[in-house]
Amino acid sequence: MPSSPPLPTTLFLDRDGVINRNDHLYYVLKPEEMELLPGSAEAIAAVNQAGIRVVVITNQAHIAKGLSTEEKLHAIHQRMQKLLSEKAAHVDAIYHCPHYNSGCRCRKPLPGLILQAAADHPVELAKSWFVGDSARDMVAAHGAGCPGAIVRSGHGKKAAASYPELPIFDDLGSFVRAYLTGTLPDPADVRATMARCITLPEPAEKA
């Protein structure tokens, strides 16, 4: 019996609404406001144990808006890593965009952060899934050439209504179960579906 193909080496995750709660806050501005969604740490731990890199891709415009600082964001991410570590989980890298309406190339729905991560790590983008809870997550994934999946946690119900053709899961845990058991749709088929249903931003468009 032929062996299963190896899993991709990287899983991309949005942060707010995928790993942590954001239904009660517009922004997470303090470490004590970082609250993991039920089951997200266990899901990430399972991915860690499978030897797959976990990379977070997140917009954090509160920095540009003067509501917070890079130092405070670092403290928030330290808190997130501490909470994850309590379940033997960790995130390998975090890429964030601090901008807002600046014309940058890193703010989702543009794919700049994903492409930067791929430049920093050996990543086969065409087989590396991006899990998010917003339409702009899916647009960014498509722009980078990644297959995308939507979770209904966070604000994902709206994204699921926008792109019902894409793989949709209740939360990160349900995605990871399918991911690790090899029951996800073929990445090439998902990317083809994304090409049909997603319109990429114009190159000159502000992020």
N, C-alpha and C. Protein backbone atom coordinates (compact mmCIF):
# COMPACT_ATOMS: atom_id res chain seq x y z
N MET A 1 0.85 -1.19 0.00
CA MET A 1 0.00 0.00 0.00
C MET A 1 0.89 1.24 0.00
N PRO A 2 0.67 2.19 -0.92
CA PRO A 2 1.54 3.36 -0.98
C PRO A 2 1.37 4.23 0.25
N SER A 3 2.49 4.84 0.67
CA SER A 3 2.42 5.71 1.84
C SER A 3 1.80 7.04 1.47
N SER A 4 1.22 7.71 2.46
CA SER A 4 0.62 9.02 2.22
C SER A 4 1.72 10.03 1.93
N PRO A 5 1.44 11.04 1.08
CA PRO A 5 2.45 12.07 0.82
C PRO A 5 2.71 12.87 2.08
N PRO A 6 3.92 13.41 2.22
CA PRO A 6 4.22 14.19 3.42
C PRO A 6 3.38 15.45 3.48
N LEU A 7 3.07 15.89 4.69
CA LEU A 7 2.32 17.12 4.86
C LEU A 7 3.20 18.32 4.51
N PRO A 8 2.60 19.42 4.06
CA PRO A 8 3.39 20.64 3.84
C PRO A 8 4.07 21.07 5.13
N THR A 9 5.13 21.84 4.98
CA THR A 9 5.92 22.20 6.14
C THR A 9 5.40 23.43 6.88
N THR A 10 4.42 24.13 6.33
CA THR A 10 3.95 25.37 6.93
C THR A 10 2.43 25.45 6.91
N LEU A 11 1.86 25.93 8.02
CA LEU A 11 0.45 26.27 8.10
C LEU A 11 0.35 27.73 8.49
N PHE A 12 -0.31 28.53 7.65
CA PHE A 12 -0.51 29.95 7.93
C PHE A 12 -1.83 30.15 8.65
N LEU A 13 -1.81 30.98 9.70
CA LEU A 13 -3.01 31.27 10.46
C LEU A 13 -3.19 32.77 10.63
N ASP A 14 -4.40 33.26 10.41
CA ASP A 14 -4.76 34.57 10.92
C ASP A 14 -4.77 34.47 12.44
N ARG A 15 -4.69 35.62 13.11
CA ARG A 15 -4.66 35.57 14.58
C ARG A 15 -6.05 35.75 15.19
N ASP A 16 -6.56 36.98 15.10
CA ASP A 16 -7.82 37.31 15.76
C ASP A 16 -8.99 36.58 15.13
N GLY A 17 -9.73 35.85 15.94
CA GLY A 17 -10.87 35.09 15.44
C GLY A 17 -10.53 33.68 15.02
N VAL A 18 -9.24 33.37 14.93
CA VAL A 18 -8.79 32.01 14.60
C VAL A 18 -8.10 31.39 15.82
N ILE A 19 -7.15 32.12 16.39
CA ILE A 19 -6.44 31.66 17.58
C ILE A 19 -7.08 32.23 18.85
N ASN A 20 -7.36 33.51 18.82
CA ASN A 20 -7.90 34.19 20.00
C ASN A 20 -9.24 34.85 19.71
N ARG A 21 -9.96 35.14 20.77
CA ARG A 21 -11.27 35.78 20.65
C ARG A 21 -11.13 37.22 20.17
N ASN A 22 -12.05 37.65 19.32
CA ASN A 22 -12.14 39.06 18.96
C ASN A 22 -13.58 39.49 18.77
N ASP A 23 -14.51 38.69 19.27
CA ASP A 23 -15.92 39.02 19.11
C ASP A 23 -16.37 40.09 20.10
N HIS A 24 -15.60 40.28 21.18
CA HIS A 24 -15.98 41.24 22.21
C HIS A 24 -15.11 42.49 22.18
N LEU A 25 -14.08 42.51 21.33
CA LEU A 25 -13.16 43.63 21.23
C LEU A 25 -12.88 43.93 19.77
N TYR A 26 -12.73 45.22 19.44
CA TYR A 26 -12.34 45.56 18.07
C TYR A 26 -10.85 45.29 17.88
N TYR A 27 -10.05 45.65 18.88
CA TYR A 27 -8.62 45.34 18.88
C TYR A 27 -8.24 44.74 20.23
N VAL A 28 -7.26 43.86 20.21
CA VAL A 28 -6.62 43.40 21.44
C VAL A 28 -5.48 44.37 21.71
N LEU A 29 -5.61 45.20 22.74
CA LEU A 29 -4.64 46.27 22.99
C LEU A 29 -3.76 46.02 24.21
N LYS A 30 -4.12 45.03 25.04
CA LYS A 30 -3.37 44.75 26.26
C LYS A 30 -3.16 43.24 26.37
N PRO A 31 -2.04 42.82 26.99
CA PRO A 31 -1.82 41.38 27.15
C PRO A 31 -2.98 40.68 27.85
N GLU A 32 -3.59 41.33 28.83
CA GLU A 32 -4.68 40.68 29.56
C GLU A 32 -5.94 40.52 28.72
N GLU A 33 -6.00 41.18 27.57
CA GLU A 33 -7.14 41.01 26.67
C GLU A 33 -6.95 39.83 25.71
N MET A 34 -5.77 39.24 25.72
CA MET A 34 -5.50 38.08 24.86
C MET A 34 -6.14 36.84 25.49
N GLU A 35 -7.18 36.33 24.84
CA GLU A 35 -7.92 35.18 25.34
C GLU A 35 -8.05 34.16 24.21
N LEU A 36 -7.46 33.00 24.38
CA LEU A 36 -7.49 31.99 23.33
C LEU A 36 -8.90 31.44 23.15
N LEU A 37 -9.23 31.14 21.90
CA LEU A 37 -10.49 30.46 21.62
C LEU A 37 -10.41 29.02 22.12
N PRO A 38 -11.51 28.46 22.58
CA PRO A 38 -11.50 27.07 23.04
C PRO A 38 -10.98 26.13 21.95
N GLY A 39 -10.00 25.31 22.32
CA GLY A 39 -9.48 24.30 21.40
C GLY A 39 -8.39 24.77 20.48
N SER A 40 -8.12 26.08 20.41
CA SER A 40 -7.11 26.55 19.45
C SER A 40 -5.71 26.13 19.87
N ALA A 41 -5.41 26.17 21.16
CA ALA A 41 -4.08 25.75 21.61
C ALA A 41 -3.85 24.27 21.35
N GLU A 42 -4.85 23.46 21.62
CA GLU A 42 -4.72 22.02 21.38
C GLU A 42 -4.53 21.74 19.89
N ALA A 43 -5.23 22.50 19.05
CA ALA A 43 -5.09 22.32 17.60
C ALA A 43 -3.68 22.67 17.15
N ILE A 44 -3.15 23.78 17.64
CA ILE A 44 -1.80 24.19 17.27
C ILE A 44 -0.78 23.19 17.81
N ALA A 45 -1.01 22.67 19.01
CA ALA A 45 -0.10 21.66 19.57
C ALA A 45 -0.04 20.43 18.67
N ALA A 46 -1.18 20.02 18.13
CA ALA A 46 -1.20 18.85 17.25
C ALA A 46 -0.41 19.12 15.98
N VAL A 47 -0.50 20.33 15.46
CA VAL A 47 0.27 20.70 14.27
C VAL A 47 1.75 20.74 14.60
N ASN A 48 2.10 21.32 15.75
CA ASN A 48 3.50 21.32 16.20
C ASN A 48 4.05 19.90 16.28
N GLN A 49 3.28 19.00 16.87
CA GLN A 49 3.74 17.63 17.07
C GLN A 49 3.93 16.89 15.75
N ALA A 50 3.22 17.35 14.72
CA ALA A 50 3.38 16.74 13.40
C ALA A 50 4.59 17.29 12.65
N GLY A 51 5.30 18.23 13.27
CA GLY A 51 6.50 18.79 12.66
C GLY A 51 6.23 19.85 11.62
N ILE A 52 5.06 20.48 11.70
CA ILE A 52 4.66 21.49 10.73
C ILE A 52 4.84 22.87 11.33
N ARG A 53 5.46 23.75 10.59
CA ARG A 53 5.68 25.13 11.04
C ARG A 53 4.35 25.88 11.08
N VAL A 54 4.12 26.65 12.15
CA VAL A 54 2.91 27.47 12.29
C VAL A 54 3.32 28.94 12.22
N VAL A 55 2.77 29.65 11.24
CA VAL A 55 3.11 31.05 11.02
C VAL A 55 1.84 31.89 11.08
N VAL A 56 1.86 32.91 11.91
CA VAL A 56 0.71 33.81 12.05
C VAL A 56 0.89 35.01 11.13
N ILE A 57 -0.17 35.36 10.42
CA ILE A 57 -0.20 36.51 9.52
C ILE A 57 -1.34 37.41 9.98
N THR A 58 -1.02 38.62 10.46
CA THR A 58 -2.05 39.42 11.11
C THR A 58 -1.92 40.91 10.82
N ASN A 59 -3.05 41.57 10.57
CA ASN A 59 -3.11 43.03 10.50
C ASN A 59 -3.29 43.58 11.90
N GLN A 60 -2.51 44.59 12.25
CA GLN A 60 -2.64 45.24 13.57
C GLN A 60 -2.57 46.75 13.38
N ALA A 61 -3.63 47.29 12.76
CA ALA A 61 -3.66 48.71 12.40
C ALA A 61 -3.75 49.63 13.60
N HIS A 62 -4.02 49.08 14.78
CA HIS A 62 -4.10 49.95 15.96
C HIS A 62 -2.79 50.67 16.23
N ILE A 63 -1.67 50.12 15.72
CA ILE A 63 -0.38 50.79 15.89
C ILE A 63 -0.36 52.08 15.07
N ALA A 64 -0.74 52.00 13.80
CA ALA A 64 -0.78 53.20 12.96
C ALA A 64 -1.79 54.21 13.46
N LYS A 65 -2.85 53.73 14.08
CA LYS A 65 -3.90 54.63 14.59
C LYS A 65 -3.53 55.27 15.93
N GLY A 66 -2.36 54.92 16.47
CA GLY A 66 -1.91 55.51 17.71
C GLY A 66 -2.56 54.94 18.95
N LEU A 67 -3.22 53.80 18.81
CA LEU A 67 -3.88 53.18 19.95
C LEU A 67 -2.95 52.27 20.74
N SER A 68 -1.83 51.89 20.12
CA SER A 68 -0.89 50.98 20.77
C SER A 68 0.48 51.18 20.14
N THR A 69 1.43 50.35 20.55
CA THR A 69 2.80 50.45 20.05
C THR A 69 3.32 49.07 19.69
N GLU A 70 4.45 49.05 19.00
CA GLU A 70 5.09 47.77 18.68
C GLU A 70 5.47 47.02 19.96
N GLU A 71 5.91 47.76 20.97
CA GLU A 71 6.31 47.14 22.23
C GLU A 71 5.11 46.46 22.91
N LYS A 72 3.96 47.13 22.88
CA LYS A 72 2.77 46.54 23.48
C LYS A 72 2.30 45.32 22.69
N LEU A 73 2.42 45.40 21.36
CA LEU A 73 2.04 44.24 20.55
C LEU A 73 2.95 43.06 20.86
N HIS A 74 4.23 43.33 21.05
CA HIS A 74 5.16 42.26 21.41
C HIS A 74 4.75 41.61 22.73
N ALA A 75 4.34 42.43 23.69
CA ALA A 75 3.89 41.89 24.98
C ALA A 75 2.63 41.05 24.82
N ILE A 76 1.74 41.48 23.94
CA ILE A 76 0.52 40.70 23.67
C ILE A 76 0.88 39.35 23.08
N HIS A 77 1.85 39.34 22.16
CA HIS A 77 2.25 38.08 21.54
C HIS A 77 3.01 37.19 22.53
N GLN A 78 3.74 37.79 23.43
CA GLN A 78 4.37 36.99 24.49
C GLN A 78 3.29 36.31 25.35
N ARG A 79 2.25 37.04 25.65
CA ARG A 79 1.13 36.48 26.41
C ARG A 79 0.48 35.34 25.63
N MET A 80 0.29 35.52 24.33
CA MET A 80 -0.30 34.47 23.52
C MET A 80 0.56 33.21 23.54
N GLN A 81 1.87 33.39 23.38
CA GLN A 81 2.77 32.24 23.40
C GLN A 81 2.76 31.55 24.77
N LYS A 82 2.64 32.33 25.84
CA LYS A 82 2.58 31.73 27.17
C LYS A 82 1.31 30.89 27.32
N LEU A 83 0.19 31.42 26.87
CA LEU A 83 -1.06 30.67 26.95
C LEU A 83 -0.99 29.41 26.11
N LEU A 84 -0.39 29.51 24.93
CA LEU A 84 -0.23 28.33 24.08
C LEU A 84 0.67 27.29 24.75
N SER A 85 1.74 27.77 25.39
CA SER A 85 2.70 26.84 25.99
C SER A 85 2.07 26.01 27.11
N GLU A 86 1.01 26.53 27.71
CA GLU A 86 0.33 25.77 28.76
C GLU A 86 -0.34 24.52 28.21
N LYS A 87 -0.51 24.47 26.89
CA LYS A 87 -1.05 23.28 26.22
C LYS A 87 0.00 22.64 25.32
N ALA A 88 1.28 22.91 25.62
CA ALA A 88 2.41 22.36 24.85
C ALA A 88 2.35 22.78 23.39
N ALA A 89 1.90 24.01 23.15
CA ALA A 89 1.79 24.53 21.78
C ALA A 89 2.65 25.78 21.64
N HIS A 90 2.99 26.11 20.39
CA HIS A 90 3.71 27.35 20.13
C HIS A 90 3.50 27.76 18.68
N VAL A 91 3.68 29.04 18.43
CA VAL A 91 3.70 29.59 17.08
C VAL A 91 5.16 29.83 16.72
N ASP A 92 5.56 29.42 15.52
CA ASP A 92 6.96 29.52 15.13
C ASP A 92 7.37 30.92 14.69
N ALA A 93 6.45 31.64 14.07
CA ALA A 93 6.77 32.99 13.59
C ALA A 93 5.48 33.80 13.50
N ILE A 94 5.61 35.10 13.72
CA ILE A 94 4.47 36.01 13.62
C ILE A 94 4.87 37.17 12.71
N TYR A 95 4.07 37.40 11.69
CA TYR A 95 4.26 38.53 10.79
C TYR A 95 3.05 39.45 10.92
N HIS A 96 3.31 40.72 11.19
CA HIS A 96 2.19 41.64 11.36
C HIS A 96 2.37 42.89 10.52
N CYS A 97 1.26 43.45 10.11
CA CYS A 97 1.26 44.75 9.42
C CYS A 97 0.76 45.79 10.40
N PRO A 98 1.56 46.82 10.69
CA PRO A 98 1.13 47.86 11.63
C PRO A 98 0.45 49.05 10.95
N HIS A 99 0.30 48.97 9.63
CA HIS A 99 -0.12 50.14 8.86
C HIS A 99 -1.64 50.24 8.72
N TYR A 100 -2.07 51.40 8.24
CA TYR A 100 -3.48 51.63 7.94
C TYR A 100 -3.58 52.70 6.86
N ASN A 101 -4.10 52.32 5.70
CA ASN A 101 -4.27 53.26 4.58
C ASN A 101 -2.98 54.00 4.24
N SER A 102 -1.88 53.27 4.24
CA SER A 102 -0.59 53.90 3.97
C SER A 102 -0.04 53.55 2.60
N GLY A 103 -0.74 52.68 1.87
CA GLY A 103 -0.22 52.23 0.59
C GLY A 103 0.85 51.16 0.73
N CYS A 104 0.94 50.52 1.90
CA CYS A 104 1.93 49.47 2.11
C CYS A 104 1.56 48.24 1.30
N ARG A 105 2.50 47.30 1.23
CA ARG A 105 2.26 46.05 0.49
C ARG A 105 2.04 44.87 1.44
N CYS A 106 1.95 45.15 2.75
CA CYS A 106 1.87 44.04 3.69
C CYS A 106 0.49 43.86 4.31
N ARG A 107 -0.37 44.86 4.22
CA ARG A 107 -1.67 44.76 4.87
C ARG A 107 -2.61 43.88 4.05
N LYS A 108 -3.15 42.83 4.68
CA LYS A 108 -4.16 42.03 4.00
C LYS A 108 -5.33 42.93 3.63
N PRO A 109 -5.87 42.80 2.42
CA PRO A 109 -5.89 41.62 1.55
C PRO A 109 -4.70 41.44 0.61
N LEU A 110 -3.68 42.30 0.70
CA LEU A 110 -2.49 42.07 -0.10
C LEU A 110 -1.67 40.92 0.51
N PRO A 111 -0.88 40.24 -0.31
CA PRO A 111 -0.20 39.02 0.18
C PRO A 111 1.20 39.24 0.71
N GLY A 112 1.58 40.50 0.95
CA GLY A 112 2.98 40.79 1.28
C GLY A 112 3.54 40.04 2.46
N LEU A 113 2.77 39.90 3.53
CA LEU A 113 3.28 39.20 4.71
C LEU A 113 3.51 37.72 4.44
N ILE A 114 2.61 37.12 3.68
CA ILE A 114 2.77 35.70 3.34
C ILE A 114 4.01 35.52 2.48
N LEU A 115 4.20 36.41 1.51
CA LEU A 115 5.36 36.31 0.63
C LEU A 115 6.65 36.55 1.41
N GLN A 116 6.62 37.45 2.40
CA GLN A 116 7.80 37.66 3.23
C GLN A 116 8.13 36.42 4.03
N ALA A 117 7.09 35.78 4.58
CA ALA A 117 7.32 34.54 5.33
C ALA A 117 7.92 33.47 4.43
N ALA A 118 7.44 33.40 3.19
CA ALA A 118 7.96 32.41 2.25
C ALA A 118 9.40 32.72 1.87
N ALA A 119 9.78 34.00 1.89
CA ALA A 119 11.17 34.36 1.61
C ALA A 119 12.08 34.01 2.79
N ASP A 120 11.51 34.03 3.99
CA ASP A 120 12.31 33.76 5.19
C ASP A 120 12.41 32.27 5.54
N HIS A 121 11.46 31.48 5.06
CA HIS A 121 11.40 30.06 5.41
C HIS A 121 11.16 29.24 4.15
N PRO A 122 11.61 27.98 4.12
CA PRO A 122 11.30 27.13 2.97
C PRO A 122 9.81 26.77 2.98
N VAL A 123 9.06 27.36 2.07
CA VAL A 123 7.61 27.18 2.04
C VAL A 123 7.17 26.86 0.61
N GLU A 124 6.40 25.81 0.46
CA GLU A 124 5.76 25.51 -0.83
C GLU A 124 4.35 26.10 -0.76
N LEU A 125 4.23 27.34 -1.23
CA LEU A 125 2.99 28.08 -1.04
C LEU A 125 1.78 27.36 -1.63
N ALA A 126 1.96 26.71 -2.74
CA ALA A 126 0.83 26.06 -3.42
C ALA A 126 0.21 24.94 -2.59
N LYS A 127 0.94 24.45 -1.58
CA LYS A 127 0.42 23.37 -0.74
C LYS A 127 0.30 23.77 0.73
N SER A 128 0.57 25.03 1.03
CA SER A 128 0.55 25.50 2.41
C SER A 128 -0.74 26.26 2.67
N TRP A 129 -1.59 25.70 3.51
CA TRP A 129 -2.91 26.26 3.75
C TRP A 129 -2.85 27.54 4.57
N PHE A 130 -3.80 28.43 4.28
CA PHE A 130 -4.01 29.63 5.08
C PHE A 130 -5.41 29.54 5.67
N VAL A 131 -5.50 29.63 7.00
CA VAL A 131 -6.79 29.55 7.70
C VAL A 131 -7.12 30.93 8.24
N GLY A 132 -8.29 31.45 7.88
CA GLY A 132 -8.70 32.77 8.34
C GLY A 132 -10.19 32.85 8.59
N ASP A 133 -10.59 33.99 9.15
CA ASP A 133 -12.02 34.20 9.44
C ASP A 133 -12.58 35.41 8.70
N SER A 134 -11.86 35.89 7.68
CA SER A 134 -12.34 37.06 6.95
C SER A 134 -12.11 36.89 5.46
N ALA A 135 -12.87 37.65 4.68
CA ALA A 135 -12.71 37.62 3.23
C ALA A 135 -11.32 38.08 2.84
N ARG A 136 -10.78 39.08 3.54
CA ARG A 136 -9.46 39.58 3.16
C ARG A 136 -8.37 38.53 3.42
N ASP A 137 -8.58 37.63 4.38
CA ASP A 137 -7.64 36.53 4.56
C ASP A 137 -7.60 35.66 3.31
N MET A 138 -8.77 35.37 2.77
CA MET A 138 -8.84 34.51 1.58
C MET A 138 -8.26 35.21 0.36
N VAL A 139 -8.47 36.52 0.25
CA VAL A 139 -7.90 37.27 -0.87
C VAL A 139 -6.38 37.27 -0.78
N ALA A 140 -5.85 37.47 0.43
CA ALA A 140 -4.40 37.45 0.62
C ALA A 140 -3.82 36.08 0.30
N ALA A 141 -4.49 35.03 0.76
CA ALA A 141 -4.03 33.67 0.47
C ALA A 141 -4.00 33.43 -1.04
N HIS A 142 -5.06 33.84 -1.72
CA HIS A 142 -5.12 33.66 -3.17
C HIS A 142 -4.00 34.43 -3.86
N GLY A 143 -3.75 35.65 -3.39
CA GLY A 143 -2.69 36.46 -3.99
C GLY A 143 -1.32 35.84 -3.84
N ALA A 144 -1.12 35.08 -2.76
CA ALA A 144 0.16 34.42 -2.52
C ALA A 144 0.23 33.03 -3.16
N GLY A 145 -0.90 32.55 -3.66
CA GLY A 145 -0.93 31.21 -4.25
C GLY A 145 -1.16 30.10 -3.27
N CYS A 146 -1.73 30.41 -2.09
CA CYS A 146 -2.02 29.40 -1.08
C CYS A 146 -3.48 28.94 -1.16
N PRO A 147 -3.76 27.68 -0.87
CA PRO A 147 -5.15 27.28 -0.66
C PRO A 147 -5.66 27.87 0.65
N GLY A 148 -6.91 28.29 0.66
CA GLY A 148 -7.46 28.92 1.86
C GLY A 148 -8.64 28.16 2.42
N ALA A 149 -8.81 28.25 3.74
CA ALA A 149 -9.96 27.67 4.42
C ALA A 149 -10.49 28.70 5.41
N ILE A 150 -11.80 28.72 5.56
CA ILE A 150 -12.48 29.67 6.44
C ILE A 150 -12.94 28.96 7.70
N VAL A 151 -12.76 29.63 8.84
CA VAL A 151 -13.35 29.13 10.09
C VAL A 151 -14.46 30.08 10.51
N ARG A 152 -15.54 29.52 11.05
CA ARG A 152 -16.69 30.34 11.44
C ARG A 152 -16.47 31.08 12.75
N SER A 153 -15.44 30.72 13.49
CA SER A 153 -15.13 31.45 14.72
C SER A 153 -14.76 32.89 14.37
N GLY A 154 -14.73 33.76 15.38
CA GLY A 154 -14.46 35.16 15.08
C GLY A 154 -15.57 35.74 14.23
N HIS A 155 -15.17 36.34 13.10
CA HIS A 155 -16.14 36.93 12.17
C HIS A 155 -16.30 36.06 10.93
N GLY A 156 -16.03 34.78 11.08
CA GLY A 156 -15.98 33.88 9.93
C GLY A 156 -17.30 33.60 9.25
N LYS A 157 -18.42 33.80 9.93
CA LYS A 157 -19.70 33.53 9.28
C LYS A 157 -19.91 34.44 8.08
N LYS A 158 -19.47 35.68 8.19
CA LYS A 158 -19.58 36.62 7.07
C LYS A 158 -18.69 36.18 5.92
N ALA A 159 -17.47 35.75 6.23
CA ALA A 159 -16.56 35.27 5.18
C ALA A 159 -17.11 34.02 4.52
N ALA A 160 -17.70 33.14 5.32
CA ALA A 160 -18.29 31.92 4.76
C ALA A 160 -19.43 32.24 3.81
N ALA A 161 -20.20 33.28 4.13
CA ALA A 161 -21.28 33.70 3.24
C ALA A 161 -20.73 34.31 1.96
N SER A 162 -19.58 34.97 2.05
CA SER A 162 -18.97 35.59 0.87
C SER A 162 -18.37 34.55 -0.07
N TYR A 163 -17.78 33.50 0.51
CA TYR A 163 -17.11 32.47 -0.29
C TYR A 163 -17.58 31.08 0.12
N PRO A 164 -18.84 30.75 -0.15
CA PRO A 164 -19.35 29.44 0.26
C PRO A 164 -18.72 28.28 -0.50
N GLU A 165 -18.02 28.58 -1.60
CA GLU A 165 -17.38 27.52 -2.39
C GLU A 165 -16.11 26.99 -1.74
N LEU A 166 -15.55 27.75 -0.79
CA LEU A 166 -14.28 27.36 -0.18
C LEU A 166 -14.51 26.41 1.00
N PRO A 167 -13.47 25.68 1.41
CA PRO A 167 -13.61 24.82 2.59
C PRO A 167 -13.95 25.65 3.82
N ILE A 168 -14.97 25.25 4.56
CA ILE A 168 -15.44 25.99 5.73
C ILE A 168 -15.51 25.04 6.92
N PHE A 169 -14.99 25.51 8.05
CA PHE A 169 -14.94 24.70 9.27
C PHE A 169 -15.48 25.52 10.44
N ASP A 170 -15.93 24.83 11.47
CA ASP A 170 -16.46 25.53 12.64
C ASP A 170 -15.38 26.33 13.35
N ASP A 171 -14.19 25.77 13.44
CA ASP A 171 -13.11 26.42 14.19
C ASP A 171 -11.78 25.81 13.77
N LEU A 172 -10.71 26.30 14.38
CA LEU A 172 -9.38 25.81 14.03
C LEU A 172 -9.24 24.33 14.33
N GLY A 173 -9.82 23.87 15.43
CA GLY A 173 -9.72 22.46 15.77
C GLY A 173 -10.30 21.55 14.71
N SER A 174 -11.45 21.92 14.17
CA SER A 174 -12.07 21.07 13.14
C SER A 174 -11.27 21.10 11.85
N PHE A 175 -10.66 22.25 11.53
CA PHE A 175 -9.77 22.29 10.36
C PHE A 175 -8.58 21.38 10.57
N VAL A 176 -7.94 21.48 11.73
CA VAL A 176 -6.72 20.72 11.98
C VAL A 176 -6.99 19.22 11.95
N ARG A 177 -8.14 18.80 12.44
CA ARG A 177 -8.47 17.37 12.37
C ARG A 177 -8.50 16.89 10.92
N ALA A 178 -9.10 17.68 10.05
CA ALA A 178 -9.13 17.31 8.63
C ALA A 178 -7.73 17.40 8.02
N TYR A 179 -6.98 18.41 8.41
CA TYR A 179 -5.64 18.65 7.90
C TYR A 179 -4.71 17.48 8.22
N LEU A 180 -4.74 17.04 9.46
CA LEU A 180 -3.81 16.00 9.89
C LEU A 180 -4.24 14.59 9.48
N THR A 181 -5.50 14.42 9.15
CA THR A 181 -5.97 13.11 8.69
C THR A 181 -6.03 13.00 7.17
N GLY A 182 -5.59 14.05 6.49
CA GLY A 182 -5.54 14.01 5.03
C GLY A 182 -6.89 14.03 4.36
N THR A 183 -7.90 14.63 5.01
CA THR A 183 -9.25 14.64 4.44
C THR A 183 -9.65 16.01 3.90
N LEU A 184 -8.71 16.93 3.80
CA LEU A 184 -8.99 18.21 3.16
C LEU A 184 -9.11 18.04 1.65
N PRO A 185 -9.79 18.95 0.98
CA PRO A 185 -9.79 18.91 -0.49
C PRO A 185 -8.38 19.08 -1.03
N ASP A 186 -8.18 18.67 -2.27
CA ASP A 186 -6.88 18.84 -2.90
C ASP A 186 -6.54 20.32 -3.00
N PRO A 187 -5.33 20.74 -2.57
CA PRO A 187 -4.98 22.16 -2.62
C PRO A 187 -5.12 22.77 -4.01
N ALA A 188 -4.77 22.01 -5.04
CA ALA A 188 -4.88 22.55 -6.40
C ALA A 188 -6.33 22.84 -6.76
N ASP A 189 -7.24 21.98 -6.33
CA ASP A 189 -8.66 22.22 -6.60
C ASP A 189 -9.15 23.46 -5.85
N VAL A 190 -8.69 23.63 -4.62
CA VAL A 190 -9.10 24.80 -3.84
C VAL A 190 -8.55 26.08 -4.47
N ARG A 191 -7.31 26.04 -4.91
CA ARG A 191 -6.73 27.23 -5.55
C ARG A 191 -7.47 27.56 -6.85
N ALA A 192 -7.90 26.54 -7.58
CA ALA A 192 -8.67 26.78 -8.80
C ALA A 192 -10.02 27.42 -8.46
N THR A 193 -10.64 26.95 -7.39
CA THR A 193 -11.90 27.56 -6.95
C THR A 193 -11.69 29.00 -6.54
N MET A 194 -10.61 29.28 -5.82
CA MET A 194 -10.31 30.64 -5.41
C MET A 194 -10.11 31.55 -6.62
N ALA A 195 -9.48 31.03 -7.64
CA ALA A 195 -9.25 31.83 -8.85
C ALA A 195 -10.57 32.21 -9.52
N ARG A 196 -11.57 31.35 -9.37
CA ARG A 196 -12.88 31.63 -9.98
C ARG A 196 -13.70 32.62 -9.16
N CYS A 197 -13.55 32.59 -7.84
CA CYS A 197 -14.48 33.36 -7.00
C CYS A 197 -13.87 34.58 -6.32
N ILE A 198 -12.55 34.74 -6.39
CA ILE A 198 -11.90 35.86 -5.70
C ILE A 198 -11.29 36.81 -6.71
N THR A 199 -11.55 38.09 -6.53
CA THR A 199 -10.94 39.14 -7.34
C THR A 199 -9.80 39.76 -6.55
N LEU A 200 -8.61 39.78 -7.12
CA LEU A 200 -7.46 40.34 -6.42
C LEU A 200 -7.49 41.86 -6.47
N PRO A 201 -6.95 42.53 -5.43
CA PRO A 201 -6.85 43.99 -5.46
C PRO A 201 -5.96 44.46 -6.60
N GLU A 202 -6.24 45.64 -7.11
CA GLU A 202 -5.36 46.23 -8.12
C GLU A 202 -4.01 46.55 -7.48
N PRO A 203 -2.91 46.44 -8.27
CA PRO A 203 -1.58 46.68 -7.69
C PRO A 203 -1.42 48.04 -7.04
N ALA A 204 -2.11 49.05 -7.56
CA ALA A 204 -1.93 50.40 -7.03
C ALA A 204 -2.86 50.69 -5.86
N GLU A 205 -3.73 49.76 -5.52
CA GLU A 205 -4.71 50.00 -4.46
C GLU A 205 -4.03 50.10 -3.11
N LYS A 206 -4.49 51.03 -2.30
CA LYS A 206 -3.96 51.14 -0.95
C LYS A 206 -4.43 49.96 -0.12
N ALA A 207 -3.54 49.51 0.78
CA ALA A 207 -3.92 48.38 1.62
C ALA A 207 -4.85 48.84 2.72
